[in-house]
Amino acid sequence: MFSEVRHHPNVIARVGDNVSLNCTSPTDNPSSVTWTHGSNPSSTLLRIEGQQMSQFDTSGRLSVNHTAEDDFRLVIHQVQQTDSGVYKCSVDVGHENRHVTEIVVIGIKVIIDLLVD
């Protein structure tokens, strides 16, 4: 298994913003793409295999923007404080020697606006 880790800078968002996290496959049409949140392997948000997407997050605020054969951008709609943390995109290109690319977003820092009268 080949593993490559790419670190992206922190993403800063305000509560209610939409956030887009990039994930690019080293090849077109990978076997699968998996997005996770947090360090727990069972923290899978969604998985794409071929044309099928399985979503494990029940908030209804996640989508994948798939604008090119190698692009699997995670979009988090209406960011909440609980969305803070580390996100990982694992891409399986499906050759005999399984290649996996992991893209780690260092974290989403959510800013809560406080209104002071």
PDB file of N, CA and C in Angstrom:
ATOM      1  N   MET A   1       0.845  -1.167   0.000  1.00  0.00           N
ATOM      2  CA  MET A   1       0.000   0.000   0.000  1.00  0.00           C
ATOM      3  C   MET A   1       0.896   1.238   0.000  1.00  0.00           C
ATOM      4  N   PHE A   2       0.614   2.162  -0.853  1.00  0.00           N
ATOM      5  CA  PHE A   2       1.314   3.439  -0.932  1.00  0.00           C
ATOM      6  C   PHE A   2       0.441   4.481  -0.273  1.00  0.00           C
ATOM      7  N   SER A   3       1.011   5.233   0.622  1.00  0.00           N
ATOM      8  CA  SER A   3       0.227   6.255   1.310  1.00  0.00           C
ATOM      9  C   SER A   3       0.940   7.592   1.202  1.00  0.00           C
ATOM     10  N   GLU A   4       0.219   8.588   0.808  1.00  0.00           N
ATOM     11  CA  GLU A   4       0.755   9.934   0.684  1.00  0.00           C
ATOM     12  C   GLU A   4      -0.125  10.854   1.517  1.00  0.00           C
ATOM     13  N   VAL A   5       0.492  11.672   2.318  1.00  0.00           N
ATOM     14  CA  VAL A   5      -0.272  12.596   3.148  1.00  0.00           C
ATOM     15  C   VAL A   5       0.044  14.013   2.700  1.00  0.00           C
ATOM     16  N   ARG A   6      -0.977  14.756   2.385  1.00  0.00           N
ATOM     17  CA  ARG A   6      -0.833  16.161   2.019  1.00  0.00           C
ATOM     18  C   ARG A   6      -1.543  16.998   3.072  1.00  0.00           C
ATOM     19  N   HIS A   7      -0.827  17.958   3.591  1.00  0.00           N
ATOM     20  CA  HIS A   7      -1.425  18.827   4.603  1.00  0.00           C
ATOM     21  C   HIS A   7      -1.862  20.131   3.950  1.00  0.00           C
ATOM     22  N   HIS A   8      -3.051  20.538   4.255  1.00  0.00           N
ATOM     23  CA  HIS A   8      -3.595  21.789   3.761  1.00  0.00           C
ATOM     24  C   HIS A   8      -3.693  22.757   4.927  1.00  0.00           C
ATOM     25  N   PRO A   9      -3.645  24.035   4.647  1.00  0.00           N
ATOM     26  CA  PRO A   9      -3.746  24.998   5.744  1.00  0.00           C
ATOM     27  C   PRO A   9      -5.100  24.938   6.423  1.00  0.00           C
ATOM     28  N   ASN A  10      -5.132  25.480   7.611  1.00  0.00           N
ATOM     29  CA  ASN A  10      -6.395  25.545   8.342  1.00  0.00           C
ATOM     30  C   ASN A  10      -7.445  26.288   7.535  1.00  0.00           C
ATOM     31  N   VAL A  11      -8.656  25.868   7.694  1.00  0.00           N
ATOM     32  CA  VAL A  11      -9.798  26.533   7.083  1.00  0.00           C
ATOM     33  C   VAL A  11     -10.505  27.270   8.209  1.00  0.00           C
ATOM     34  N   ILE A  12     -10.751  28.529   8.020  1.00  0.00           N
ATOM     35  CA  ILE A  12     -11.447  29.313   9.044  1.00  0.00           C
ATOM     36  C   ILE A  12     -12.799  29.713   8.484  1.00  0.00           C
ATOM     37  N   ALA A  13     -13.840  29.454   9.263  1.00  0.00           N
ATOM     38  CA  ALA A  13     -15.202  29.754   8.811  1.00  0.00           C
ATOM     39  C   ALA A  13     -16.019  30.271   9.984  1.00  0.00           C
ATOM     40  N   ARG A  14     -17.043  31.004   9.668  1.00  0.00           N
ATOM     41  CA  ARG A  14     -17.999  31.449  10.680  1.00  0.00           C
ATOM     42  C   ARG A  14     -19.176  30.476  10.697  1.00  0.00           C
ATOM     43  N   VAL A  15     -19.794  30.347  11.845  1.00  0.00           N
ATOM     44  CA  VAL A  15     -20.988  29.523  11.950  1.00  0.00           C
ATOM     45  C   VAL A  15     -21.981  29.988  10.887  1.00  0.00           C
ATOM     46  N   GLY A  16     -22.499  29.042  10.130  1.00  0.00           N
ATOM     47  CA  GLY A  16     -23.451  29.353   9.073  1.00  0.00           C
ATOM     48  C   GLY A  16     -22.829  29.451   7.692  1.00  0.00           C
ATOM     49  N   ASP A  17     -21.483  29.568   7.613  1.00  0.00           N
ATOM     50  CA  ASP A  17     -20.798  29.603   6.322  1.00  0.00           C
ATOM     51  C   ASP A  17     -20.835  28.234   5.656  1.00  0.00           C
ATOM     52  N   ASN A  18     -20.559  28.200   4.374  1.00  0.00           N
ATOM     53  CA  ASN A  18     -20.312  26.964   3.641  1.00  0.00           C
ATOM     54  C   ASN A  18     -18.809  26.829   3.454  1.00  0.00           C
ATOM     55  N   VAL A  19     -18.283  25.608   3.623  1.00  0.00           N
ATOM     56  CA  VAL A  19     -16.851  25.347   3.526  1.00  0.00           C
ATOM     57  C   VAL A  19     -16.627  24.262   2.476  1.00  0.00           C
ATOM     58  N   SER A  20     -15.589  24.436   1.665  1.00  0.00           N
ATOM     59  CA  SER A  20     -15.232  23.463   0.638  1.00  0.00           C
ATOM     60  C   SER A  20     -13.828  22.952   0.920  1.00  0.00           C
ATOM     61  N   LEU A  21     -13.676  21.609   1.013  1.00  0.00           N
ATOM     62  CA  LEU A  21     -12.384  20.978   1.277  1.00  0.00           C
ATOM     63  C   LEU A  21     -11.963  20.187   0.042  1.00  0.00           C
ATOM     64  N   ASN A  22     -10.768  20.470  -0.468  1.00  0.00           N
ATOM     65  CA  ASN A  22     -10.306  19.850  -1.709  1.00  0.00           C
ATOM     66  C   ASN A  22      -9.807  18.431  -1.508  1.00  0.00           C
ATOM     67  N   CYS A  23     -10.056  17.597  -2.516  1.00  0.00           N
ATOM     68  CA  CYS A  23      -9.508  16.241  -2.568  1.00  0.00           C
ATOM     69  C   CYS A  23      -9.347  15.877  -4.036  1.00  0.00           C
ATOM     70  N   THR A  24      -8.107  15.669  -4.454  1.00  0.00           N
ATOM     71  CA  THR A  24      -7.835  15.327  -5.840  1.00  0.00           C
ATOM     72  C   THR A  24      -7.187  13.958  -5.907  1.00  0.00           C
ATOM     73  N   SER A  25      -7.722  13.111  -6.753  1.00  0.00           N
ATOM     74  CA  SER A  25      -7.191  11.766  -6.947  1.00  0.00           C
ATOM     75  C   SER A  25      -5.964  11.821  -7.858  1.00  0.00           C
ATOM     76  N   PRO A  26      -4.979  10.929  -7.631  1.00  0.00           N
ATOM     77  CA  PRO A  26      -3.820  10.901  -8.524  1.00  0.00           C
ATOM     78  C   PRO A  26      -4.168  10.346  -9.917  1.00  0.00           C
ATOM     79  N   THR A  27      -5.339   9.728 -10.052  1.00  0.00           N
ATOM     80  CA  THR A  27      -5.783   9.205 -11.345  1.00  0.00           C
ATOM     81  C   THR A  27      -7.260   9.532 -11.531  1.00  0.00           C
ATOM     82  N   ASP A  28      -7.716   9.482 -12.782  1.00  0.00           N
ATOM     83  CA  ASP A  28      -9.136   9.655 -13.054  1.00  0.00           C
ATOM     84  C   ASP A  28      -9.896   8.414 -12.607  1.00  0.00           C
ATOM     85  N   ASN A  29     -11.130   8.607 -12.170  1.00  0.00           N
ATOM     86  CA  ASN A  29     -12.041   7.514 -11.800  1.00  0.00           C
ATOM     87  C   ASN A  29     -11.436   6.509 -10.819  1.00  0.00           C
ATOM     88  N   PRO A  30     -11.092   6.939  -9.601  1.00  0.00           N
ATOM     89  CA  PRO A  30     -10.572   5.995  -8.605  1.00  0.00           C
ATOM     90  C   PRO A  30     -11.640   4.979  -8.195  1.00  0.00           C
ATOM     91  N   SER A  31     -11.205   3.860  -7.611  1.00  0.00           N
ATOM     92  CA  SER A  31     -12.138   2.821  -7.161  1.00  0.00           C
ATOM     93  C   SER A  31     -13.068   3.341  -6.088  1.00  0.00           C
ATOM     94  N   SER A  32     -12.508   4.099  -5.145  1.00  0.00           N
ATOM     95  CA  SER A  32     -13.341   4.662  -4.086  1.00  0.00           C
ATOM     96  C   SER A  32     -12.684   5.895  -3.491  1.00  0.00           C
ATOM     97  N   VAL A  33     -13.521   6.732  -2.900  1.00  0.00           N
ATOM     98  CA  VAL A  33     -13.078   7.925  -2.187  1.00  0.00           C
ATOM     99  C   VAL A  33     -13.849   7.946  -0.869  1.00  0.00           C
ATOM    100  N   THR A  34     -13.132   8.120   0.236  1.00  0.00           N
ATOM    101  CA  THR A  34     -13.758   8.138   1.553  1.00  0.00           C
ATOM    102  C   THR A  34     -13.342   9.394   2.296  1.00  0.00           C
ATOM    103  N   TRP A  35     -14.323  10.133   2.805  1.00  0.00           N
ATOM    104  CA  TRP A  35     -14.075  11.306   3.647  1.00  0.00           C
ATOM    105  C   TRP A  35     -14.373  10.934   5.089  1.00  0.00           C
ATOM    106  N   THR A  36     -13.439  11.257   6.006  1.00  0.00           N
ATOM    107  CA  THR A  36     -13.650  11.023   7.430  1.00  0.00           C
ATOM    108  C   THR A  36     -13.407  12.325   8.193  1.00  0.00           C
ATOM    109  N   HIS A  37     -13.946  12.383   9.405  1.00  0.00           N
ATOM    110  CA  HIS A  37     -13.782  13.545  10.286  1.00  0.00           C
ATOM    111  C   HIS A  37     -13.319  13.031  11.625  1.00  0.00           C
ATOM    112  N   GLY A  38     -12.161  13.488  12.067  1.00  0.00           N
ATOM    113  CA  GLY A  38     -11.614  13.038  13.342  1.00  0.00           C
ATOM    114  C   GLY A  38     -10.607  11.927  13.139  1.00  0.00           C
ATOM    115  N   SER A  39     -10.005  11.488  14.227  1.00  0.00           N
ATOM    116  CA  SER A  39      -8.945  10.479  14.144  1.00  0.00           C
ATOM    117  C   SER A  39      -9.465   9.050  14.219  1.00  0.00           C
ATOM    118  N   ASN A  40     -10.730   8.854  14.538  1.00  0.00           N
ATOM    119  CA  ASN A  40     -11.322   7.524  14.649  1.00  0.00           C
ATOM    120  C   ASN A  40     -11.650   6.981  13.259  1.00  0.00           C
ATOM    121  N   PRO A  41     -11.125   5.786  12.885  1.00  0.00           N
ATOM    122  CA  PRO A  41     -11.401   5.237  11.558  1.00  0.00           C
ATOM    123  C   PRO A  41     -12.887   5.007  11.285  1.00  0.00           C
ATOM    124  N   SER A  42     -13.686   4.886  12.336  1.00  0.00           N
ATOM    125  CA  SER A  42     -15.121   4.670  12.140  1.00  0.00           C
ATOM    126  C   SER A  42     -15.879   5.987  11.984  1.00  0.00           C
ATOM    127  N   SER A  43     -15.139   7.091  11.827  1.00  0.00           N
ATOM    128  CA  SER A  43     -15.769   8.402  11.708  1.00  0.00           C
ATOM    129  C   SER A  43     -16.027   8.763  10.238  1.00  0.00           C
ATOM    130  N   THR A  44     -16.386   7.774   9.440  1.00  0.00           N
ATOM    131  CA  THR A  44     -16.620   7.993   8.021  1.00  0.00           C
ATOM    132  C   THR A  44     -17.844   8.873   7.801  1.00  0.00           C
ATOM    133  N   LEU A  45     -17.656   9.939   7.025  1.00  0.00           N
ATOM    134  CA  LEU A  45     -18.759  10.829   6.674  1.00  0.00           C
ATOM    135  C   LEU A  45     -19.475  10.334   5.428  1.00  0.00           C
ATOM    136  N   LEU A  46     -18.675  10.008   4.407  1.00  0.00           N
ATOM    137  CA  LEU A  46     -19.269   9.488   3.177  1.00  0.00           C
ATOM    138  C   LEU A  46     -18.227   8.718   2.380  1.00  0.00           C
ATOM    139  N   ARG A  47     -18.726   7.861   1.511  1.00  0.00           N
ATOM    140  CA  ARG A  47     -17.867   7.010   0.679  1.00  0.00           C
ATOM    141  C   ARG A  47     -18.467   6.965  -0.719  1.00  0.00           C
ATOM    142  N   ILE A  48     -17.608   7.129  -1.715  1.00  0.00           N
ATOM    143  CA  ILE A  48     -18.032   7.081  -3.103  1.00  0.00           C
ATOM    144  C   ILE A  48     -17.344   5.893  -3.770  1.00  0.00           C
ATOM    145  N   GLU A  49     -18.141   5.019  -4.367  1.00  0.00           N
ATOM    146  CA  GLU A  49     -17.619   3.885  -5.128  1.00  0.00           C
ATOM    147  C   GLU A  49     -18.304   3.900  -6.486  1.00  0.00           C
ATOM    148  N   GLY A  50     -17.533   4.201  -7.529  1.00  0.00           N
ATOM    149  CA  GLY A  50     -18.130   4.323  -8.859  1.00  0.00           C
ATOM    150  C   GLY A  50     -19.106   5.487  -8.871  1.00  0.00           C
ATOM    151  N   GLN A  51     -20.330   5.217  -9.235  1.00  0.00           N
ATOM    152  CA  GLN A  51     -21.363   6.252  -9.279  1.00  0.00           C
ATOM    153  C   GLN A  51     -22.215   6.298  -8.010  1.00  0.00           C
ATOM    154  N   GLN A  52     -21.928   5.410  -7.054  1.00  0.00           N
ATOM    155  CA  GLN A  52     -22.722   5.312  -5.828  1.00  0.00           C
ATOM    156  C   GLN A  52     -22.071   6.080  -4.681  1.00  0.00           C
ATOM    157  N   MET A  53     -22.856   6.874  -3.975  1.00  0.00           N
ATOM    158  CA  MET A  53     -22.361   7.559  -2.795  1.00  0.00           C
ATOM    159  C   MET A  53     -23.155   7.101  -1.579  1.00  0.00           C
ATOM    160  N   SER A  54     -22.425   6.644  -0.557  1.00  0.00           N
ATOM    161  CA  SER A  54     -23.038   6.267   0.720  1.00  0.00           C
ATOM    162  C   SER A  54     -22.706   7.353   1.721  1.00  0.00           C
ATOM    163  N   GLN A  55     -23.727   7.931   2.325  1.00  0.00           N
ATOM    164  CA  GLN A  55     -23.519   9.001   3.293  1.00  0.00           C
ATOM    165  C   GLN A  55     -23.840   8.478   4.679  1.00  0.00           C
ATOM    166  N   PHE A  56     -22.887   8.633   5.608  1.00  0.00           N
ATOM    167  CA  PHE A  56     -23.049   8.129   6.966  1.00  0.00           C
ATOM    168  C   PHE A  56     -23.336   9.253   7.950  1.00  0.00           C
ATOM    169  N   ASP A  57     -23.212  10.486   7.505  1.00  0.00           N
ATOM    170  CA  ASP A  57     -23.529  11.641   8.326  1.00  0.00           C
ATOM    171  C   ASP A  57     -25.013  11.926   8.167  1.00  0.00           C
ATOM    172  N   THR A  58     -25.708  12.129   9.263  1.00  0.00           N
ATOM    173  CA  THR A  58     -27.160  12.319   9.195  1.00  0.00           C
ATOM    174  C   THR A  58     -27.592  13.778   9.268  1.00  0.00           C
ATOM    175  N   SER A  59     -26.632  14.696   9.254  1.00  0.00           N
ATOM    176  CA  SER A  59     -26.989  16.115   9.389  1.00  0.00           C
ATOM    177  C   SER A  59     -27.639  16.670   8.116  1.00  0.00           C
ATOM    178  N   GLY A  60     -27.374  16.046   6.973  1.00  0.00           N
ATOM    179  CA  GLY A  60     -27.903  16.543   5.708  1.00  0.00           C
ATOM    180  C   GLY A  60     -27.189  17.782   5.208  1.00  0.00           C
ATOM    181  N   ARG A  61     -26.034  18.110   5.804  1.00  0.00           N
ATOM    182  CA  ARG A  61     -25.320  19.320   5.433  1.00  0.00           C
ATOM    183  C   ARG A  61     -24.087  19.055   4.576  1.00  0.00           C
ATOM    184  N   LEU A  62     -23.855  17.808   4.185  1.00  0.00           N
ATOM    185  CA  LEU A  62     -22.669  17.459   3.411  1.00  0.00           C
ATOM    186  C   LEU A  62     -23.024  17.126   1.974  1.00  0.00           C
ATOM    187  N   SER A  63     -22.129  17.507   1.071  1.00  0.00           N
ATOM    188  CA  SER A  63     -22.260  17.102  -0.328  1.00  0.00           C
ATOM    189  C   SER A  63     -20.868  17.000  -0.921  1.00  0.00           C
ATOM    190  N   VAL A  64     -20.778  16.364  -2.075  1.00  0.00           N
ATOM    191  CA  VAL A  64     -19.507  16.262  -2.788  1.00  0.00           C
ATOM    192  C   VAL A  64     -19.654  16.995  -4.103  1.00  0.00           C
ATOM    193  N   ASN A  65     -18.725  17.895  -4.363  1.00  0.00           N
ATOM    194  CA  ASN A  65     -18.682  18.625  -5.615  1.00  0.00           C
ATOM    195  C   ASN A  65     -17.692  17.903  -6.512  1.00  0.00           C
ATOM    196  N   HIS A  66     -18.211  17.186  -7.496  1.00  0.00           N
ATOM    197  CA  HIS A  66     -17.402  16.331  -8.376  1.00  0.00           C
ATOM    198  C   HIS A  66     -17.383  16.967  -9.766  1.00  0.00           C
ATOM    199  N   THR A  67     -16.504  17.986  -9.930  1.00  0.00           N
ATOM    200  CA  THR A  67     -16.496  18.760 -11.173  1.00  0.00           C
ATOM    201  C   THR A  67     -15.562  18.188 -12.234  1.00  0.00           C
ATOM    202  N   ALA A  68     -14.691  17.274 -11.841  1.00  0.00           N
ATOM    203  CA  ALA A  68     -13.781  16.616 -12.778  1.00  0.00           C
ATOM    204  C   ALA A  68     -13.619  15.167 -12.333  1.00  0.00           C
ATOM    205  N   GLU A  69     -13.095  14.327 -13.219  1.00  0.00           N
ATOM    206  CA  GLU A  69     -12.958  12.897 -12.922  1.00  0.00           C
ATOM    207  C   GLU A  69     -12.054  12.617 -11.724  1.00  0.00           C
ATOM    208  N   ASP A  70     -11.170  13.573 -11.394  1.00  0.00           N
ATOM    209  CA  ASP A  70     -10.231  13.359 -10.292  1.00  0.00           C
ATOM    210  C   ASP A  70     -10.490  14.279  -9.097  1.00  0.00           C
ATOM    211  N   ASP A  71     -11.618  14.988  -9.097  1.00  0.00           N
ATOM    212  CA  ASP A  71     -11.915  15.981  -8.065  1.00  0.00           C
ATOM    213  C   ASP A  71     -13.099  15.524  -7.216  1.00  0.00           C
ATOM    214  N   PHE A  72     -12.895  15.444  -5.891  1.00  0.00           N
ATOM    215  CA  PHE A  72     -13.937  14.989  -4.962  1.00  0.00           C
ATOM    216  C   PHE A  72     -13.987  15.941  -3.770  1.00  0.00           C
ATOM    217  N   ARG A  73     -14.430  17.159  -4.012  1.00  0.00           N
ATOM    218  CA  ARG A  73     -14.439  18.224  -3.013  1.00  0.00           C
ATOM    219  C   ARG A  73     -15.615  18.038  -2.052  1.00  0.00           C
ATOM    220  N   LEU A  74     -15.314  18.022  -0.751  1.00  0.00           N
ATOM    221  CA  LEU A  74     -16.349  17.923   0.271  1.00  0.00           C
ATOM    222  C   LEU A  74     -16.857  19.320   0.589  1.00  0.00           C
ATOM    223  N   VAL A  75     -18.169  19.493   0.551  1.00  0.00           N
ATOM    224  CA  VAL A  75     -18.771  20.778   0.897  1.00  0.00           C
ATOM    225  C   VAL A  75     -19.584  20.582   2.178  1.00  0.00           C
ATOM    226  N   ILE A  76     -19.280  21.406   3.172  1.00  0.00           N
ATOM    227  CA  ILE A  76     -20.033  21.393   4.423  1.00  0.00           C
ATOM    228  C   ILE A  76     -20.893  22.647   4.403  1.00  0.00           C
ATOM    229  N   HIS A  77     -22.193  22.460   4.391  1.00  0.00           N
ATOM    230  CA  HIS A  77     -23.135  23.573   4.339  1.00  0.00           C
ATOM    231  C   HIS A  77     -23.484  24.004   5.755  1.00  0.00           C
ATOM    232  N   GLN A  78     -23.618  25.283   5.952  1.00  0.00           N
ATOM    233  CA  GLN A  78     -24.012  25.853   7.245  1.00  0.00           C
ATOM    234  C   GLN A  78     -23.172  25.281   8.393  1.00  0.00           C
ATOM    235  N   VAL A  79     -21.886  25.600   8.340  1.00  0.00           N
ATOM    236  CA  VAL A  79     -20.924  25.101   9.322  1.00  0.00           C
ATOM    237  C   VAL A  79     -21.399  25.363  10.746  1.00  0.00           C
ATOM    238  N   GLN A  80     -21.158  24.373  11.602  1.00  0.00           N
ATOM    239  CA  GLN A  80     -21.477  24.482  13.020  1.00  0.00           C
ATOM    240  C   GLN A  80     -20.203  24.282  13.825  1.00  0.00           C
ATOM    241  N   GLN A  81     -20.223  24.642  15.080  1.00  0.00           N
ATOM    242  CA  GLN A  81     -19.050  24.494  15.944  1.00  0.00           C
ATOM    243  C   GLN A  81     -18.570  23.041  15.971  1.00  0.00           C
ATOM    244  N   THR A  82     -19.478  22.098  15.931  1.00  0.00           N
ATOM    245  CA  THR A  82     -19.115  20.676  15.983  1.00  0.00           C
ATOM    246  C   THR A  82     -18.383  20.209  14.727  1.00  0.00           C
ATOM    247  N   ASP A  83     -18.333  21.036  13.687  1.00  0.00           N
ATOM    248  CA  ASP A  83     -17.613  20.675  12.464  1.00  0.00           C
ATOM    249  C   ASP A  83     -16.113  20.917  12.582  1.00  0.00           C
ATOM    250  N   SER A  84     -15.670  21.553  13.663  1.00  0.00           N
ATOM    251  CA  SER A  84     -14.243  21.779  13.870  1.00  0.00           C
ATOM    252  C   SER A  84     -13.527  20.435  13.928  1.00  0.00           C
ATOM    253  N   GLY A  85     -12.287  20.411  13.492  1.00  0.00           N
ATOM    254  CA  GLY A  85     -11.494  19.196  13.603  1.00  0.00           C
ATOM    255  C   GLY A  85     -10.746  18.860  12.336  1.00  0.00           C
ATOM    256  N   VAL A  86     -10.223  17.642  12.296  1.00  0.00           N
ATOM    257  CA  VAL A  86      -9.394  17.164  11.197  1.00  0.00           C
ATOM    258  C   VAL A  86     -10.245  16.343  10.236  1.00  0.00           C
ATOM    259  N   TYR A  87     -10.112  16.625   8.955  1.00  0.00           N
ATOM    260  CA  TYR A  87     -10.814  15.890   7.898  1.00  0.00           C
ATOM    261  C   TYR A  87      -9.795  15.159   7.040  1.00  0.00           C
ATOM    262  N   LYS A  88     -10.148  13.968   6.604  1.00  0.00           N
ATOM    263  CA  LYS A  88      -9.236  13.173   5.782  1.00  0.00           C
ATOM    264  C   LYS A  88      -9.984  12.616   4.584  1.00  0.00           C
ATOM    265  N   CYS A  89      -9.365  12.716   3.434  1.00  0.00           N
ATOM    266  CA  CYS A  89      -9.893  12.128   2.217  1.00  0.00           C
ATOM    267  C   CYS A  89      -8.951  11.012   1.794  1.00  0.00           C
ATOM    268  N   SER A  90      -9.448   9.786   1.726  1.00  0.00           N
ATOM    269  CA  SER A  90      -8.651   8.647   1.288  1.00  0.00           C
ATOM    270  C   SER A  90      -9.129   8.227  -0.091  1.00  0.00           C
ATOM    271  N   VAL A  91      -8.189   8.108  -1.024  1.00  0.00           N
ATOM    272  CA  VAL A  91      -8.510   7.762  -2.399  1.00  0.00           C
ATOM    273  C   VAL A  91      -7.866   6.431  -2.736  1.00  0.00           C
ATOM    274  N   ASP A  92      -8.673   5.446  -3.114  1.00  0.00           N
ATOM    275  CA  ASP A  92      -8.182   4.135  -3.517  1.00  0.00           C
ATOM    276  C   ASP A  92      -8.225   4.080  -5.040  1.00  0.00           C
ATOM    277  N   VAL A  93      -7.041   3.982  -5.661  1.00  0.00           N
ATOM    278  CA  VAL A  93      -6.996   3.964  -7.119  1.00  0.00           C
ATOM    279  C   VAL A  93      -7.178   2.563  -7.685  1.00  0.00           C
ATOM    280  N   GLY A  94      -7.220   1.541  -6.822  1.00  0.00           N
ATOM    281  CA  GLY A  94      -7.659   0.200  -7.192  1.00  0.00           C
ATOM    282  C   GLY A  94      -6.769  -0.633  -8.079  1.00  0.00           C
ATOM    283  N   HIS A  95      -5.472  -0.424  -8.082  1.00  0.00           N
ATOM    284  CA  HIS A  95      -4.576  -1.272  -8.854  1.00  0.00           C
ATOM    285  C   HIS A  95      -4.229  -2.517  -8.038  1.00  0.00           C
ATOM    286  N   GLU A  96      -3.462  -3.423  -8.640  1.00  0.00           N
ATOM    287  CA  GLU A  96      -3.072  -4.636  -7.918  1.00  0.00           C
ATOM    288  C   GLU A  96      -2.407  -4.280  -6.592  1.00  0.00           C
ATOM    289  N   ASN A  97      -1.506  -3.318  -6.610  1.00  0.00           N
ATOM    290  CA  ASN A  97      -0.939  -2.796  -5.373  1.00  0.00           C
ATOM    291  C   ASN A  97      -1.799  -1.620  -4.977  1.00  0.00           C
ATOM    292  N   ARG A  98      -2.566  -1.790  -3.965  1.00  0.00           N
ATOM    293  CA  ARG A  98      -3.549  -0.779  -3.574  1.00  0.00           C
ATOM    294  C   ARG A  98      -2.850   0.524  -3.200  1.00  0.00           C
ATOM    295  N   HIS A  99      -3.204   1.583  -3.884  1.00  0.00           N
ATOM    296  CA  HIS A  99      -2.650   2.909  -3.614  1.00  0.00           C
ATOM    297  C   HIS A  99      -3.704   3.743  -2.913  1.00  0.00           C
ATOM    298  N   VAL A 100      -3.310   4.366  -1.849  1.00  0.00           N
ATOM    299  CA  VAL A 100      -4.235   5.227  -1.117  1.00  0.00           C
ATOM    300  C   VAL A 100      -3.573   6.580  -0.915  1.00  0.00           C
ATOM    301  N   THR A 101      -4.284   7.611  -1.252  1.00  0.00           N
ATOM    302  CA  THR A 101      -3.807   8.966  -0.987  1.00  0.00           C
ATOM    303  C   THR A 101      -4.659   9.548   0.124  1.00  0.00           C
ATOM    304  N   GLU A 102      -4.028  10.042   1.142  1.00  0.00           N
ATOM    305  CA  GLU A 102      -4.744  10.665   2.244  1.00  0.00           C
ATOM    306  C   GLU A 102      -4.466  12.157   2.220  1.00  0.00           C
ATOM    307  N   ILE A 103      -5.508  12.929   2.234  1.00  0.00           N
ATOM    308  CA  ILE A 103      -5.366  14.376   2.278  1.00  0.00           C
ATOM    309  C   ILE A 103      -5.929  14.834   3.612  1.00  0.00           C
ATOM    310  N   VAL A 104      -5.100  15.436   4.405  1.00  0.00           N
ATOM    311  CA  VAL A 104      -5.497  15.842   5.746  1.00  0.00           C
ATOM    312  C   VAL A 104      -5.641  17.360   5.792  1.00  0.00           C
ATOM    313  N   VAL A 105      -6.809  17.809   6.137  1.00  0.00           N
ATOM    314  CA  VAL A 105      -7.021  19.223   6.421  1.00  0.00           C
ATOM    315  C   VAL A 105      -6.727  19.392   7.893  1.00  0.00           C
ATOM    316  N   ILE A 106      -5.798  20.258   8.217  1.00  0.00           N
ATOM    317  CA  ILE A 106      -5.350  20.397   9.600  1.00  0.00           C
ATOM    318  C   ILE A 106      -6.520  20.677  10.533  1.00  0.00           C
ATOM    319  N   GLY A 107      -7.483  21.411  10.094  1.00  0.00           N
ATOM    320  CA  GLY A 107      -8.658  21.630  10.920  1.00  0.00           C
ATOM    321  C   GLY A 107      -9.526  22.747  10.380  1.00  0.00           C
ATOM    322  N   ILE A 108     -10.752  22.715  10.788  1.00  0.00           N
ATOM    323  CA  ILE A 108     -11.664  23.816  10.506  1.00  0.00           C
ATOM    324  C   ILE A 108     -11.855  24.548  11.814  1.00  0.00           C
ATOM    325  N   LYS A 109     -11.510  25.795  11.819  1.00  0.00           N
ATOM    326  CA  LYS A 109     -11.714  26.611  13.012  1.00  0.00           C
ATOM    327  C   LYS A 109     -12.972  27.411  12.778  1.00  0.00           C
ATOM    328  N   VAL A 110     -13.962  27.187  13.590  1.00  0.00           N
ATOM    329  CA  VAL A 110     -15.234  27.872  13.443  1.00  0.00           C
ATOM    330  C   VAL A 110     -15.275  29.052  14.401  1.00  0.00           C
ATOM    331  N   ILE A 111     -15.553  30.211  13.845  1.00  0.00           N
ATOM    332  CA  ILE A 111     -15.636  31.425  14.633  1.00  0.00           C
ATOM    333  C   ILE A 111     -17.098  31.696  14.952  1.00  0.00           C
ATOM    334  N   ILE A 112     -17.383  31.924  16.199  1.00  0.00           N
ATOM    335  CA  ILE A 112     -18.742  32.251  16.609  1.00  0.00           C
ATOM    336  C   ILE A 112     -18.807  33.766  16.802  1.00  0.00           C
ATOM    337  N   ASP A 113     -19.646  34.417  16.045  1.00  0.00           N
ATOM    338  CA  ASP A 113     -19.815  35.862  16.181  1.00  0.00           C
ATOM    339  C   ASP A 113     -20.641  36.166  17.415  1.00  0.00           C
ATOM    340  N   LEU A 114     -20.122  37.019  18.253  1.00  0.00           N
ATOM    341  CA  LEU A 114     -20.853  37.453  19.445  1.00  0.00           C
ATOM    342  C   LEU A 114     -21.272  38.897  19.242  1.00  0.00           C
ATOM    343  N   LEU A 115     -22.535  39.153  19.394  1.00  0.00           N
ATOM    344  CA  LEU A 115     -23.029  40.518  19.275  1.00  0.00           C
ATOM    345  C   LEU A 115     -23.119  41.112  20.671  1.00  0.00           C
ATOM    346  N   VAL A 116     -22.485  42.251  20.846  1.00  0.00           N
ATOM    347  CA  VAL A 116     -22.483  42.919  22.146  1.00  0.00           C
ATOM    348  C   VAL A 116     -23.241  44.229  21.985  1.00  0.00           C
ATOM    349  N   ASP A 117     -24.234  44.429  22.835  1.00  0.00           N
ATOM    350  CA  ASP A 117     -25.006  45.689  22.792  1.00  0.00           C
ATOM    351  C   ASP A 117     -24.344  46.720  23.659  1.00  0.00           C
TER     352      ASP A 117
END
